[in-house]
Amino acid sequence: NNKRNLRGQWCELMLNELDWFQEQAHEHLPCFQANGRFASFRALDRDFSVDVSSLHFRVRCDSVQLSDENTLEMQDVCRVLKVHSTAVNVLKAVSSDTGMASKMTAALYDFLRWFCKRNPKNQVALYTTESLALFIKHLRDDVGAEHLLLAILEANYELSVRNNSQLIQDLIIPVSEKAPVAPLCTKCLQELAVANQIP
């Protein structure tokens, strides 16, 4: 009963968030006004390629079989509400405050890792030049940046074939210096070299 009540409260909260999102979309998204609610949610994903959308669909099918669809659903809702953008902005802000940095930064990295784990569209959403530079900056701070980078790159072929020269350079440095994060940086490099057993 307690679990059911908590799930009901969570659903109610998310519905309230989506109602707010709908109001915002009516003001800011012309496609929303023209096509209605669900068309607009699809419009928000217009930047994702056919390959990423196809991979995302396959992951969704697998998650249903593994009884893990609730996680994927929550991840997708977070992406639509741009929670990840807020988390990245907070990361930037707390980075400059040494008093707040360690605990809050680690918690935000844990959230972002959950956000993109085995979720192709969310991996792509976090794969921006600005975000990657921030995560690389935190690599040696023992806050989980290396785990997040691995979660972003894991089994995503589209990301592995992009122009990753700067990212590869940034990952090679801690490996060559045998830093504590070197093993996970090596795994990141392996994901860039071979994704889903495709070189």
N, C-alpha and C. Protein backbone atom coordinates (compact mmCIF):
# COMPACT_ATOMS: atom_id res chain seq x y z
N ASN A 1 0.82 -1.21 0.00
CA ASN A 1 0.00 0.00 0.00
C ASN A 1 0.85 1.26 0.00
N ASN A 2 1.90 1.23 0.85
CA ASN A 2 2.79 2.40 0.91
C ASN A 2 3.44 2.66 -0.45
N LYS A 3 3.89 1.56 -1.11
CA LYS A 3 4.52 1.70 -2.43
C LYS A 3 3.51 2.25 -3.43
N ARG A 4 2.27 1.74 -3.35
CA ARG A 4 1.24 2.20 -4.28
C ARG A 4 0.95 3.68 -4.07
N ASN A 5 0.90 4.09 -2.78
CA ASN A 5 0.64 5.50 -2.47
C ASN A 5 1.77 6.39 -2.99
N LEU A 6 3.02 5.93 -2.79
CA LEU A 6 4.17 6.71 -3.25
C LEU A 6 4.17 6.82 -4.77
N ARG A 7 3.82 5.69 -5.44
CA ARG A 7 3.76 5.72 -6.89
C ARG A 7 2.68 6.68 -7.37
N GLY A 8 1.54 6.66 -6.66
CA GLY A 8 0.45 7.57 -7.01
C GLY A 8 0.86 9.02 -6.84
N GLN A 9 1.59 9.31 -5.73
CA GLN A 9 2.04 10.68 -5.48
C GLN A 9 3.04 11.11 -6.55
N TRP A 10 3.93 10.17 -6.93
CA TRP A 10 4.92 10.49 -7.96
C TRP A 10 4.22 10.80 -9.27
N CYS A 11 3.22 9.95 -9.64
CA CYS A 11 2.49 10.17 -10.89
C CYS A 11 1.77 11.51 -10.87
N GLU A 12 1.17 11.84 -9.72
CA GLU A 12 0.46 13.12 -9.61
C GLU A 12 1.42 14.29 -9.79
N LEU A 13 2.60 14.16 -9.16
CA LEU A 13 3.62 15.21 -9.28
C LEU A 13 4.05 15.38 -10.73
N MET A 14 4.30 14.25 -11.42
CA MET A 14 4.75 14.32 -12.80
C MET A 14 3.65 14.89 -13.71
N LEU A 15 2.38 14.54 -13.41
CA LEU A 15 1.28 15.10 -14.21
C LEU A 15 1.20 16.61 -14.04
N ASN A 16 1.43 17.08 -12.81
CA ASN A 16 1.44 18.52 -12.56
C ASN A 16 2.57 19.18 -13.34
N GLU A 17 3.75 18.52 -13.34
CA GLU A 17 4.89 19.05 -14.10
C GLU A 17 4.57 19.10 -15.59
N LEU A 18 3.93 18.04 -16.09
CA LEU A 18 3.60 17.99 -17.51
C LEU A 18 2.55 19.03 -17.88
N ASP A 19 1.61 19.28 -16.95
CA ASP A 19 0.62 20.34 -17.18
C ASP A 19 1.32 21.69 -17.30
N TRP A 20 2.30 21.91 -16.39
CA TRP A 20 3.07 23.16 -16.45
C TRP A 20 3.82 23.22 -17.77
N PHE A 21 4.42 22.09 -18.16
CA PHE A 21 5.18 22.03 -19.40
C PHE A 21 4.27 22.34 -20.59
N GLN A 22 3.03 21.83 -20.53
CA GLN A 22 2.09 22.06 -21.62
C GLN A 22 1.78 23.55 -21.75
N GLU A 23 1.60 24.21 -20.62
CA GLU A 23 1.32 25.65 -20.64
C GLU A 23 2.49 26.41 -21.27
N GLN A 24 3.72 26.02 -20.85
CA GLN A 24 4.90 26.68 -21.41
C GLN A 24 4.99 26.43 -22.91
N ALA A 25 4.69 25.20 -23.31
CA ALA A 25 4.81 24.85 -24.72
C ALA A 25 3.81 25.63 -25.57
N HIS A 26 2.61 25.84 -25.05
CA HIS A 26 1.62 26.63 -25.79
C HIS A 26 2.15 28.02 -26.10
N GLU A 27 2.96 28.55 -25.17
CA GLU A 27 3.49 29.90 -25.35
C GLU A 27 4.69 29.91 -26.29
N HIS A 28 5.52 28.86 -26.20
CA HIS A 28 6.84 28.92 -26.85
C HIS A 28 7.01 28.00 -28.05
N LEU A 29 6.12 27.01 -28.22
CA LEU A 29 6.29 26.09 -29.34
C LEU A 29 5.12 26.18 -30.32
N PRO A 30 5.32 26.79 -31.48
CA PRO A 30 4.23 26.90 -32.47
C PRO A 30 3.68 25.53 -32.86
N CYS A 31 4.55 24.51 -32.95
CA CYS A 31 4.09 23.19 -33.37
C CYS A 31 3.12 22.60 -32.35
N PHE A 32 3.29 23.01 -31.10
CA PHE A 32 2.38 22.52 -30.06
C PHE A 32 0.98 23.05 -30.32
N GLN A 33 0.91 24.33 -30.62
CA GLN A 33 -0.40 24.95 -30.86
C GLN A 33 -1.07 24.34 -32.08
N ALA A 34 -0.26 23.98 -33.07
CA ALA A 34 -0.83 23.48 -34.31
C ALA A 34 -1.24 22.02 -34.21
N ASN A 35 -0.44 21.22 -33.51
CA ASN A 35 -0.64 19.78 -33.60
C ASN A 35 -1.09 19.11 -32.30
N GLY A 36 -1.10 19.83 -31.20
CA GLY A 36 -1.55 19.20 -29.96
C GLY A 36 -0.41 18.63 -29.14
N ARG A 37 -0.77 18.09 -27.99
CA ARG A 37 0.19 17.73 -26.96
C ARG A 37 1.22 16.70 -27.42
N PHE A 38 0.78 15.55 -27.91
CA PHE A 38 1.72 14.48 -28.18
C PHE A 38 2.61 14.79 -29.37
N ALA A 39 2.08 15.50 -30.35
CA ALA A 39 2.91 15.90 -31.49
C ALA A 39 4.06 16.78 -31.01
N SER A 40 3.79 17.61 -30.00
CA SER A 40 4.82 18.51 -29.51
C SER A 40 5.93 17.76 -28.78
N PHE A 41 5.54 16.72 -28.03
CA PHE A 41 6.57 15.93 -27.36
C PHE A 41 7.47 15.28 -28.40
N ARG A 42 6.87 14.81 -29.51
CA ARG A 42 7.69 14.24 -30.57
C ARG A 42 8.56 15.33 -31.21
N ALA A 43 8.02 16.53 -31.30
CA ALA A 43 8.78 17.63 -31.91
C ALA A 43 10.03 17.95 -31.09
N LEU A 44 9.96 17.75 -29.78
CA LEU A 44 11.11 18.02 -28.93
C LEU A 44 12.26 17.06 -29.25
N ASP A 45 11.93 15.90 -29.84
CA ASP A 45 12.94 14.91 -30.18
C ASP A 45 13.40 15.03 -31.63
N ARG A 46 13.08 16.12 -32.28
CA ARG A 46 13.38 16.24 -33.71
C ARG A 46 14.88 16.26 -34.00
N ASP A 47 15.71 16.56 -32.99
CA ASP A 47 17.15 16.62 -33.22
C ASP A 47 17.80 15.24 -33.21
N PHE A 48 17.05 14.21 -32.83
CA PHE A 48 17.62 12.88 -32.78
C PHE A 48 17.53 12.22 -34.15
N SER A 49 18.60 11.56 -34.55
CA SER A 49 18.65 10.92 -35.86
C SER A 49 17.76 9.69 -35.88
N VAL A 50 17.54 9.18 -37.08
CA VAL A 50 16.76 7.95 -37.25
C VAL A 50 17.45 6.79 -36.53
N ASP A 51 18.78 6.73 -36.63
CA ASP A 51 19.53 5.65 -35.99
C ASP A 51 19.35 5.67 -34.47
N VAL A 52 19.45 6.85 -33.87
CA VAL A 52 19.30 6.95 -32.42
C VAL A 52 17.87 6.61 -32.02
N SER A 53 16.89 7.07 -32.79
CA SER A 53 15.49 6.78 -32.49
C SER A 53 15.22 5.28 -32.60
N SER A 54 15.81 4.65 -33.60
CA SER A 54 15.65 3.20 -33.78
C SER A 54 16.27 2.44 -32.62
N LEU A 55 17.49 2.85 -32.22
CA LEU A 55 18.16 2.21 -31.09
C LEU A 55 17.35 2.40 -29.82
N HIS A 56 16.81 3.61 -29.65
CA HIS A 56 16.00 3.91 -28.47
C HIS A 56 14.77 3.00 -28.42
N PHE A 57 14.15 2.77 -29.56
CA PHE A 57 12.98 1.90 -29.63
C PHE A 57 13.36 0.46 -29.24
N ARG A 58 14.52 0.00 -29.73
CA ARG A 58 14.95 -1.37 -29.38
C ARG A 58 15.22 -1.50 -27.89
N VAL A 59 15.83 -0.46 -27.31
CA VAL A 59 16.09 -0.48 -25.86
C VAL A 59 14.77 -0.52 -25.10
N ARG A 60 13.79 0.23 -25.59
CA ARG A 60 12.46 0.23 -24.96
C ARG A 60 11.85 -1.18 -25.00
N CYS A 61 11.95 -1.84 -26.13
CA CYS A 61 11.41 -3.20 -26.26
C CYS A 61 12.11 -4.15 -25.28
N ASP A 62 13.44 -4.03 -25.21
CA ASP A 62 14.20 -4.88 -24.28
C ASP A 62 13.81 -4.61 -22.84
N SER A 63 13.57 -3.33 -22.52
CA SER A 63 13.25 -2.96 -21.14
C SER A 63 11.91 -3.54 -20.70
N VAL A 64 10.97 -3.66 -21.64
CA VAL A 64 9.68 -4.26 -21.32
C VAL A 64 9.87 -5.73 -20.96
N GLN A 65 10.72 -6.42 -21.73
CA GLN A 65 10.98 -7.83 -21.46
C GLN A 65 11.70 -8.03 -20.13
N LEU A 66 12.53 -7.06 -19.76
CA LEU A 66 13.29 -7.16 -18.51
C LEU A 66 12.55 -6.54 -17.33
N SER A 67 11.30 -6.13 -17.55
CA SER A 67 10.49 -5.47 -16.51
C SER A 67 11.18 -4.22 -15.97
N ASP A 68 11.86 -3.51 -16.87
CA ASP A 68 12.61 -2.32 -16.45
C ASP A 68 12.07 -1.07 -17.14
N GLU A 69 10.83 -1.16 -17.68
CA GLU A 69 10.33 -0.05 -18.50
C GLU A 69 10.07 1.21 -17.70
N ASN A 70 9.81 1.08 -16.36
CA ASN A 70 9.54 2.26 -15.54
C ASN A 70 10.74 3.20 -15.50
N THR A 71 11.93 2.61 -15.43
CA THR A 71 13.14 3.43 -15.40
C THR A 71 13.28 4.22 -16.69
N LEU A 72 13.10 3.55 -17.82
CA LEU A 72 13.23 4.23 -19.11
C LEU A 72 12.18 5.32 -19.25
N GLU A 73 10.98 5.03 -18.79
CA GLU A 73 9.90 6.02 -18.85
C GLU A 73 10.26 7.27 -18.05
N MET A 74 10.78 7.06 -16.83
CA MET A 74 11.16 8.19 -15.98
C MET A 74 12.33 8.97 -16.60
N GLN A 75 13.28 8.24 -17.19
CA GLN A 75 14.40 8.91 -17.86
C GLN A 75 13.89 9.80 -19.00
N ASP A 76 12.94 9.27 -19.77
CA ASP A 76 12.43 10.03 -20.91
C ASP A 76 11.65 11.27 -20.46
N VAL A 77 10.89 11.11 -19.39
CA VAL A 77 10.15 12.26 -18.84
C VAL A 77 11.14 13.34 -18.40
N CYS A 78 12.22 12.91 -17.74
CA CYS A 78 13.25 13.87 -17.29
C CYS A 78 13.87 14.60 -18.47
N ARG A 79 14.07 13.88 -19.58
CA ARG A 79 14.64 14.53 -20.76
C ARG A 79 13.68 15.56 -21.33
N VAL A 80 12.40 15.19 -21.44
CA VAL A 80 11.41 16.10 -21.99
C VAL A 80 11.29 17.36 -21.13
N LEU A 81 11.40 17.19 -19.82
CA LEU A 81 11.32 18.33 -18.90
C LEU A 81 12.65 19.07 -18.75
N LYS A 82 13.68 18.56 -19.47
CA LYS A 82 15.02 19.17 -19.46
C LYS A 82 15.64 19.25 -18.07
N VAL A 83 15.37 18.22 -17.27
CA VAL A 83 15.96 18.16 -15.93
C VAL A 83 17.48 18.06 -16.02
N HIS A 84 17.97 17.36 -17.05
CA HIS A 84 19.42 17.19 -17.21
C HIS A 84 20.11 18.54 -17.44
N SER A 85 19.45 19.43 -18.17
CA SER A 85 20.03 20.76 -18.41
C SER A 85 20.17 21.53 -17.11
N THR A 86 19.15 21.42 -16.27
CA THR A 86 19.21 22.07 -14.95
C THR A 86 20.35 21.49 -14.13
N ALA A 87 20.49 20.16 -14.15
CA ALA A 87 21.55 19.50 -13.37
C ALA A 87 22.93 19.96 -13.84
N VAL A 88 23.12 20.06 -15.16
CA VAL A 88 24.41 20.51 -15.70
C VAL A 88 24.68 21.96 -15.31
N ASN A 89 23.65 22.80 -15.35
CA ASN A 89 23.82 24.21 -14.96
C ASN A 89 24.18 24.33 -13.48
N VAL A 90 23.56 23.48 -12.64
CA VAL A 90 23.89 23.49 -11.21
C VAL A 90 25.33 23.02 -11.01
N LEU A 91 25.74 22.02 -11.79
CA LEU A 91 27.13 21.54 -11.71
C LEU A 91 28.11 22.66 -11.99
N LYS A 92 27.80 23.46 -13.01
CA LYS A 92 28.68 24.59 -13.35
C LYS A 92 28.74 25.57 -12.18
N ALA A 93 27.58 25.83 -11.57
CA ALA A 93 27.51 26.83 -10.49
C ALA A 93 28.27 26.38 -9.26
N VAL A 94 28.07 25.10 -8.85
CA VAL A 94 28.70 24.64 -7.60
C VAL A 94 30.19 24.39 -7.78
N SER A 95 30.62 24.23 -9.03
CA SER A 95 32.04 24.00 -9.28
C SER A 95 32.89 25.15 -8.77
N SER A 96 32.33 26.35 -8.79
CA SER A 96 33.09 27.52 -8.37
C SER A 96 33.01 27.76 -6.86
N ASP A 97 32.22 26.94 -6.16
CA ASP A 97 32.08 27.09 -4.71
C ASP A 97 32.64 25.84 -4.04
N THR A 98 33.87 25.95 -3.54
CA THR A 98 34.55 24.77 -2.99
C THR A 98 33.83 24.19 -1.77
N GLY A 99 33.12 25.02 -1.05
CA GLY A 99 32.39 24.54 0.12
C GLY A 99 31.25 23.61 -0.24
N MET A 100 30.57 23.89 -1.35
CA MET A 100 29.42 23.09 -1.76
C MET A 100 29.82 21.96 -2.71
N ALA A 101 30.95 22.14 -3.36
CA ALA A 101 31.27 21.34 -4.54
C ALA A 101 31.19 19.84 -4.35
N SER A 102 31.92 19.27 -3.37
CA SER A 102 32.12 17.83 -3.36
C SER A 102 30.84 17.02 -3.24
N LYS A 103 30.05 17.26 -2.18
CA LYS A 103 28.86 16.44 -1.96
C LYS A 103 27.81 16.67 -3.03
N MET A 104 27.53 17.90 -3.35
CA MET A 104 26.49 18.19 -4.32
C MET A 104 26.90 17.72 -5.71
N THR A 105 28.16 17.92 -6.06
CA THR A 105 28.64 17.52 -7.37
C THR A 105 28.53 16.01 -7.54
N ALA A 106 28.93 15.26 -6.52
CA ALA A 106 28.84 13.79 -6.59
C ALA A 106 27.39 13.35 -6.76
N ALA A 107 26.47 13.99 -6.05
CA ALA A 107 25.05 13.64 -6.15
C ALA A 107 24.51 13.93 -7.55
N LEU A 108 24.92 15.06 -8.12
CA LEU A 108 24.47 15.42 -9.47
C LEU A 108 25.04 14.44 -10.52
N TYR A 109 26.28 14.03 -10.33
CA TYR A 109 26.86 13.05 -11.26
C TYR A 109 26.15 11.71 -11.15
N ASP A 110 25.76 11.32 -9.94
CA ASP A 110 24.98 10.08 -9.77
C ASP A 110 23.66 10.17 -10.52
N PHE A 111 22.99 11.33 -10.40
CA PHE A 111 21.71 11.51 -11.09
C PHE A 111 21.90 11.45 -12.60
N LEU A 112 22.89 12.17 -13.12
CA LEU A 112 23.11 12.20 -14.57
C LEU A 112 23.48 10.83 -15.12
N ARG A 113 24.21 10.06 -14.31
CA ARG A 113 24.56 8.70 -14.75
C ARG A 113 23.29 7.84 -14.85
N TRP A 114 22.41 7.97 -13.84
CA TRP A 114 21.13 7.26 -13.89
C TRP A 114 20.32 7.74 -15.10
N PHE A 115 20.35 9.05 -15.34
CA PHE A 115 19.57 9.66 -16.41
C PHE A 115 19.91 9.08 -17.78
N CYS A 116 21.19 8.80 -18.04
CA CYS A 116 21.57 8.37 -19.39
C CYS A 116 21.91 6.89 -19.50
N LYS A 117 21.86 6.16 -18.39
CA LYS A 117 22.25 4.75 -18.42
C LYS A 117 21.31 3.94 -19.31
N ARG A 118 21.90 3.31 -20.35
CA ARG A 118 21.14 2.48 -21.31
C ARG A 118 19.96 3.24 -21.93
N ASN A 119 20.13 4.53 -22.14
CA ASN A 119 19.09 5.34 -22.77
C ASN A 119 19.72 6.15 -23.90
N PRO A 120 19.62 5.68 -25.14
CA PRO A 120 20.34 6.31 -26.26
C PRO A 120 20.05 7.80 -26.44
N LYS A 121 18.79 8.20 -26.33
CA LYS A 121 18.46 9.62 -26.53
C LYS A 121 19.04 10.48 -25.42
N ASN A 122 19.03 9.97 -24.20
CA ASN A 122 19.58 10.75 -23.09
C ASN A 122 21.10 10.82 -23.16
N GLN A 123 21.72 9.76 -23.69
CA GLN A 123 23.17 9.80 -23.91
C GLN A 123 23.51 10.94 -24.88
N VAL A 124 22.74 11.00 -25.97
CA VAL A 124 22.98 12.06 -26.97
C VAL A 124 22.71 13.44 -26.36
N ALA A 125 21.67 13.54 -25.51
CA ALA A 125 21.32 14.83 -24.90
C ALA A 125 22.45 15.38 -24.04
N LEU A 126 23.24 14.49 -23.43
CA LEU A 126 24.35 14.93 -22.59
C LEU A 126 25.65 15.10 -23.37
N TYR A 127 25.64 14.64 -24.62
CA TYR A 127 26.86 14.68 -25.42
C TYR A 127 26.92 16.01 -26.18
N THR A 128 27.26 17.07 -25.44
CA THR A 128 27.46 18.38 -26.06
C THR A 128 28.87 18.83 -25.74
N THR A 129 29.42 19.69 -26.57
CA THR A 129 30.80 20.16 -26.37
C THR A 129 30.96 20.78 -24.99
N GLU A 130 29.99 21.59 -24.59
CA GLU A 130 30.07 22.29 -23.31
C GLU A 130 29.99 21.32 -22.14
N SER A 131 29.05 20.37 -22.21
CA SER A 131 28.89 19.40 -21.11
C SER A 131 30.11 18.50 -20.99
N LEU A 132 30.60 18.01 -22.13
CA LEU A 132 31.77 17.12 -22.10
C LEU A 132 32.98 17.83 -21.50
N ALA A 133 33.16 19.10 -21.85
CA ALA A 133 34.29 19.86 -21.29
C ALA A 133 34.18 19.96 -19.77
N LEU A 134 32.95 20.15 -19.28
CA LEU A 134 32.72 20.22 -17.83
C LEU A 134 33.03 18.89 -17.16
N PHE A 135 32.56 17.78 -17.77
CA PHE A 135 32.80 16.46 -17.19
C PHE A 135 34.29 16.12 -17.19
N ILE A 136 34.98 16.48 -18.27
CA ILE A 136 36.43 16.23 -18.35
C ILE A 136 37.15 17.03 -17.26
N LYS A 137 36.70 18.24 -17.02
CA LYS A 137 37.30 19.10 -16.00
C LYS A 137 37.23 18.46 -14.62
N HIS A 138 36.16 17.68 -14.39
CA HIS A 138 35.96 17.05 -13.07
C HIS A 138 36.54 15.64 -12.97
N LEU A 139 37.22 15.18 -14.03
CA LEU A 139 37.70 13.81 -14.07
C LEU A 139 38.54 13.42 -12.85
N ARG A 140 39.38 14.33 -12.40
CA ARG A 140 40.33 14.00 -11.33
C ARG A 140 39.81 14.38 -9.94
N ASP A 141 38.55 14.80 -9.86
CA ASP A 141 38.02 15.28 -8.57
C ASP A 141 37.31 14.22 -7.75
N ASP A 142 37.29 12.99 -8.24
CA ASP A 142 36.66 11.87 -7.52
C ASP A 142 35.19 12.16 -7.18
N VAL A 143 34.46 12.64 -8.18
CA VAL A 143 33.03 12.94 -7.97
C VAL A 143 32.13 12.09 -8.88
N GLY A 144 32.74 11.23 -9.70
CA GLY A 144 31.95 10.34 -10.55
C GLY A 144 31.90 10.74 -12.01
N ALA A 145 32.71 11.72 -12.41
CA ALA A 145 32.69 12.17 -13.81
C ALA A 145 33.10 11.05 -14.77
N GLU A 146 34.05 10.23 -14.35
CA GLU A 146 34.51 9.14 -15.22
C GLU A 146 33.41 8.10 -15.43
N HIS A 147 32.62 7.83 -14.38
CA HIS A 147 31.51 6.88 -14.50
C HIS A 147 30.43 7.45 -15.43
N LEU A 148 30.20 8.75 -15.33
CA LEU A 148 29.20 9.39 -16.20
C LEU A 148 29.64 9.33 -17.66
N LEU A 149 30.89 9.65 -17.92
CA LEU A 149 31.39 9.61 -19.31
C LEU A 149 31.22 8.21 -19.91
N LEU A 150 31.51 7.20 -19.11
CA LEU A 150 31.34 5.83 -19.59
C LEU A 150 29.87 5.52 -19.88
N ALA A 151 28.98 5.98 -18.99
CA ALA A 151 27.54 5.77 -19.20
C ALA A 151 27.04 6.48 -20.45
N ILE A 152 27.61 7.65 -20.75
CA ILE A 152 27.20 8.40 -21.95
C ILE A 152 27.62 7.66 -23.22
N LEU A 153 28.81 7.09 -23.21
CA LEU A 153 29.37 6.49 -24.43
C LEU A 153 28.97 5.03 -24.63
N GLU A 154 28.52 4.39 -23.57
CA GLU A 154 28.31 2.94 -23.59
C GLU A 154 27.31 2.49 -24.67
N ALA A 155 27.80 1.61 -25.56
CA ALA A 155 26.97 0.93 -26.56
C ALA A 155 26.17 1.90 -27.45
N ASN A 156 26.72 3.09 -27.69
CA ASN A 156 26.03 4.04 -28.56
C ASN A 156 26.89 4.28 -29.81
N TYR A 157 26.56 3.55 -30.87
CA TYR A 157 27.39 3.58 -32.08
C TYR A 157 27.43 4.98 -32.70
N GLU A 158 26.30 5.67 -32.70
CA GLU A 158 26.26 6.99 -33.33
C GLU A 158 27.27 7.94 -32.67
N LEU A 159 27.38 7.89 -31.35
CA LEU A 159 28.34 8.77 -30.66
C LEU A 159 29.78 8.36 -30.97
N SER A 160 30.00 7.06 -31.13
CA SER A 160 31.37 6.60 -31.38
C SER A 160 31.89 7.01 -32.75
N VAL A 161 31.00 7.29 -33.72
CA VAL A 161 31.47 7.65 -35.06
C VAL A 161 31.50 9.16 -35.28
N ARG A 162 31.21 9.92 -34.26
CA ARG A 162 31.30 11.37 -34.40
C ARG A 162 32.77 11.82 -34.36
N ASN A 163 32.98 13.09 -34.59
CA ASN A 163 34.34 13.63 -34.50
C ASN A 163 34.71 13.77 -33.03
N ASN A 164 35.40 12.75 -32.50
CA ASN A 164 35.71 12.70 -31.07
C ASN A 164 37.17 13.02 -30.76
N SER A 165 37.84 13.70 -31.67
CA SER A 165 39.29 13.90 -31.50
C SER A 165 39.63 14.60 -30.19
N GLN A 166 38.88 15.65 -29.83
CA GLN A 166 39.16 16.37 -28.60
C GLN A 166 38.90 15.50 -27.37
N LEU A 167 37.80 14.77 -27.40
CA LEU A 167 37.46 13.89 -26.28
C LEU A 167 38.50 12.79 -26.12
N ILE A 168 38.94 12.22 -27.22
CA ILE A 168 39.98 11.17 -27.17
C ILE A 168 41.26 11.73 -26.56
N GLN A 169 41.63 12.94 -27.00
CA GLN A 169 42.82 13.60 -26.44
C GLN A 169 42.70 13.77 -24.94
N ASP A 170 41.53 14.26 -24.50
CA ASP A 170 41.30 14.52 -23.08
C ASP A 170 41.32 13.24 -22.25
N LEU A 171 40.89 12.13 -22.84
CA LEU A 171 40.86 10.86 -22.12
C LEU A 171 42.23 10.19 -22.08
N ILE A 172 43.03 10.44 -23.11
CA ILE A 172 44.36 9.82 -23.18
C ILE A 172 45.29 10.38 -22.10
N ILE A 173 45.13 11.66 -21.78
CA ILE A 173 46.04 12.31 -20.81
C ILE A 173 46.06 11.59 -19.46
N PRO A 174 44.88 11.36 -18.79
CA PRO A 174 44.94 10.64 -17.51
C PRO A 174 45.42 9.20 -17.65
N VAL A 175 45.17 8.58 -18.83
CA VAL A 175 45.65 7.21 -19.05
C VAL A 175 47.18 7.20 -19.10
N SER A 176 47.76 8.15 -19.84
CA SER A 176 49.22 8.22 -19.98
C SER A 176 49.90 8.58 -18.66
N GLU A 177 49.19 9.32 -17.82
CA GLU A 177 49.74 9.72 -16.52
C GLU A 177 49.45 8.69 -15.42
N LYS A 178 48.74 7.62 -15.79
CA LYS A 178 48.37 6.56 -14.84
C LYS A 178 47.63 7.12 -13.63
N ALA A 179 46.73 8.04 -13.90
CA ALA A 179 45.90 8.63 -12.84
C ALA A 179 44.92 7.57 -12.32
N PRO A 180 44.36 7.78 -11.12
CA PRO A 180 43.39 6.80 -10.58
C PRO A 180 42.21 6.53 -11.49
N VAL A 181 41.85 7.52 -12.31
CA VAL A 181 40.69 7.34 -13.21
C VAL A 181 41.08 6.65 -14.52
N ALA A 182 42.36 6.31 -14.68
CA ALA A 182 42.85 5.75 -15.95
C ALA A 182 42.08 4.51 -16.43
N PRO A 183 41.75 3.55 -15.54
CA PRO A 183 41.03 2.36 -16.03
C PRO A 183 39.69 2.69 -16.68
N LEU A 184 38.93 3.61 -16.07
CA LEU A 184 37.63 3.97 -16.65
C LEU A 184 37.80 4.83 -17.89
N CYS A 185 38.82 5.64 -17.93
CA CYS A 185 39.11 6.41 -19.14
C CYS A 185 39.46 5.47 -20.30
N THR A 186 40.17 4.39 -19.98
CA THR A 186 40.49 3.39 -20.99
C THR A 186 39.22 2.73 -21.52
N LYS A 187 38.28 2.44 -20.61
CA LYS A 187 37.00 1.85 -21.03
C LYS A 187 36.23 2.82 -21.94
N CYS A 188 36.30 4.10 -21.62
CA CYS A 188 35.65 5.12 -22.47
C CYS A 188 36.26 5.09 -23.87
N LEU A 189 37.58 5.00 -23.93
CA LEU A 189 38.26 4.95 -25.23
C LEU A 189 37.87 3.69 -25.99
N GLN A 190 37.70 2.58 -25.26
CA GLN A 190 37.27 1.34 -25.91
C GLN A 190 35.87 1.48 -26.50
N GLU A 191 34.98 2.18 -25.77
CA GLU A 191 33.62 2.40 -26.28
C GLU A 191 33.64 3.26 -27.54
N LEU A 192 34.58 4.21 -27.59
CA LEU A 192 34.71 5.06 -28.78
C LEU A 192 35.26 4.27 -29.97
N ALA A 193 36.05 3.24 -29.66
CA ALA A 193 36.65 2.43 -30.73
C ALA A 193 35.69 1.35 -31.23
N VAL A 194 34.94 0.76 -30.30
CA VAL A 194 34.01 -0.33 -30.65
C VAL A 194 32.73 -0.15 -29.85
N ALA A 195 31.60 0.06 -30.55
CA ALA A 195 30.31 0.18 -29.89
C ALA A 195 29.39 -0.92 -30.38
N ASN A 196 28.78 -1.66 -29.44
CA ASN A 196 27.90 -2.78 -29.82
C ASN A 196 28.61 -3.76 -30.75
N GLN A 197 29.90 -4.00 -30.45
CA GLN A 197 30.73 -4.93 -31.23
C GLN A 197 30.93 -4.48 -32.68
N ILE A 198 30.69 -3.16 -32.93
CA ILE A 198 30.93 -2.62 -34.28
C ILE A 198 32.11 -1.65 -34.18
N PRO A 199 33.23 -1.91 -34.89
CA PRO A 199 34.40 -1.01 -34.79
C PRO A 199 34.16 0.31 -35.52
